[in-house]
Each structure stands twice: as C-alpha cells, then as structure tokens.
Protein backbone atom coordinates (compact mmCIF):
# COMPACT_ATOMS: atom_id res chain seq x y z
CA MET A 1 -20.49 9.21 6.55
CA ASN A 2 -19.31 7.85 3.15
CA LYS A 3 -16.52 9.51 1.56
CA ILE A 4 -16.46 10.02 -2.13
CA PHE A 5 -13.51 9.66 -3.75
CA SER A 6 -12.48 10.64 -7.60
CA LEU A 7 -12.23 8.02 -10.60
CA VAL A 8 -9.67 9.39 -12.77
CA LEU A 9 -9.45 7.55 -16.42
CA ILE A 10 -6.74 8.00 -18.46
CA LEU A 11 -7.37 5.79 -21.57
CA LEU A 12 -3.76 5.18 -23.21
CA ALA A 13 -2.98 4.63 -27.03
CA PHE A 14 -2.54 1.02 -28.02
CA ASP A 15 0.92 -0.68 -27.71
CA ALA A 16 2.04 -1.33 -31.24
CA VAL A 17 3.17 -4.70 -30.48
CA GLY A 18 0.08 -6.28 -28.91
CA GLN A 19 -2.20 -4.40 -30.21
CA GLN A 20 -3.90 -4.06 -26.69
CA LEU A 21 -5.38 -0.58 -25.00
CA SER A 22 -5.23 -0.07 -21.25
CA ILE A 23 -7.96 1.96 -18.76
CA SER A 24 -6.20 3.40 -16.06
CA GLY A 25 -5.82 6.46 -13.88
CA ASN A 26 -6.14 7.77 -10.10
CA ILE A 27 -8.59 7.18 -7.52
CA THR A 28 -8.33 10.01 -5.10
CA ASP A 29 -10.41 11.26 -2.00
CA THR A 30 -12.21 13.96 -3.54
CA GLU A 31 -12.08 16.24 -0.61
CA ASN A 32 -8.56 16.64 0.10
CA GLU A 33 -6.95 14.68 -3.28
CA ALA A 34 -5.27 12.17 -0.36
CA VAL A 35 -4.46 9.16 -2.47
CA LEU A 36 -6.68 5.52 -1.85
CA SER A 37 -3.25 3.08 -2.07
CA GLY A 38 -5.31 -0.36 -2.57
CA ALA A 39 -8.90 0.65 -4.18
CA SER A 40 -10.23 -2.23 -6.01
CA VAL A 41 -10.62 -1.23 -9.50
CA ARG A 42 -13.05 -3.81 -11.63
CA ILE A 43 -14.37 -3.91 -15.32
CA LEU A 44 -17.73 -5.43 -14.04
CA ASN A 45 -18.93 -8.39 -15.90
CA SER A 46 -15.34 -9.48 -16.79
CA GLN A 47 -12.56 -11.18 -14.52
CA LEU A 48 -10.47 -8.51 -15.02
CA GLY A 49 -9.17 -6.20 -12.07
CA THR A 50 -6.59 -4.50 -10.38
CA VAL A 51 -5.83 -2.65 -6.75
CA THR A 52 -4.23 0.35 -7.01
CA ASP A 53 -0.65 0.64 -6.23
CA ILE A 54 0.93 3.06 -3.37
CA ASP A 55 0.18 6.28 -5.52
CA GLY A 56 -3.26 5.15 -6.15
CA LYS A 57 -2.60 4.40 -9.76
CA TYR A 58 -3.73 1.73 -11.67
CA GLU A 59 -4.27 0.02 -15.31
CA ILE A 60 -6.25 -2.78 -16.68
CA LYS A 61 -5.41 -4.09 -20.39
CA VAL A 62 -8.02 -4.61 -22.57
CA SER A 63 -9.71 -5.12 -26.19
CA PRO A 64 -11.42 -1.96 -27.79
CA GLY A 65 -15.30 -2.01 -26.46
CA VAL A 66 -17.60 -0.41 -24.31
CA TYR A 67 -16.70 -0.87 -19.92
CA LYS A 68 -18.23 -0.63 -16.94
CA VAL A 69 -15.50 0.71 -14.15
CA SER A 70 -16.74 -0.13 -10.57
CA VAL A 71 -14.60 1.55 -7.92
CA SER A 72 -14.66 0.50 -4.46
CA TYR A 73 -12.67 1.47 -1.00
CA VAL A 74 -13.47 0.45 2.69
CA GLY A 75 -14.68 3.60 4.48
CA TYR A 76 -15.88 5.13 0.91
CA ALA A 77 -19.24 4.74 -0.92
CA GLY A 78 -18.17 2.66 -4.42
CA ARG A 79 -18.61 4.18 -7.73
CA GLN A 80 -18.87 3.23 -11.46
CA GLN A 81 -18.48 4.93 -14.89
CA LYS A 82 -19.00 4.23 -18.08
CA VAL A 83 -15.70 3.74 -20.34
CA VAL A 84 -15.40 3.17 -24.31
CA VAL A 85 -11.98 2.44 -25.41
CA SER A 86 -11.44 2.67 -29.00
CA ASP A 87 -8.65 2.22 -31.28
CA ARG A 88 -9.02 4.81 -33.51
CA SER A 89 -5.91 7.56 -33.44
C-alpha cells in the first residue's frame, strides 16, 4: 500500500540583493505528520531540485514563472503540484 505525503509550498519574498525567489516548504506524512527527510523535490522540465533536510524542509531558488513541483519518497506515492511564482508584492 502506498502512503501519501503532504506537499507544503511556501513562496518567499524576493531577495533584495539577487532579486531571486524561492519555492520552499515541508514534506510530511499526511496520516501521522511525520517529517520525511531525504524526500526528492524537483522542478519538472528543469535541472532544479533538492532533497529535504532532517526536518523535512526544502528550498529551491527560482525566477518568476509557472512551475510543476514533483516530490518522491521511497514507499510513498509521488505527488506533483503546479506553483506560480511572482515577484509582485
């Protein structure tokens, strides 16, 4: 049986120095809210990606645009989510 995890995305304000934005969040098990460290988080159709840290957190620097974020973790069903990143305040 495949478990399900939650994909929490948080769009952060741009960095005044580099004018770059981030897609970040936490990956947890939806049933017991356990953090999933080592989950693979990537932006489809790009070479951008990372793995979650020991607290299930991740951050990927991006430019404004529309992205499809994909998350995978051993023993869990994969998940994808569309994310719109804008530099408007």
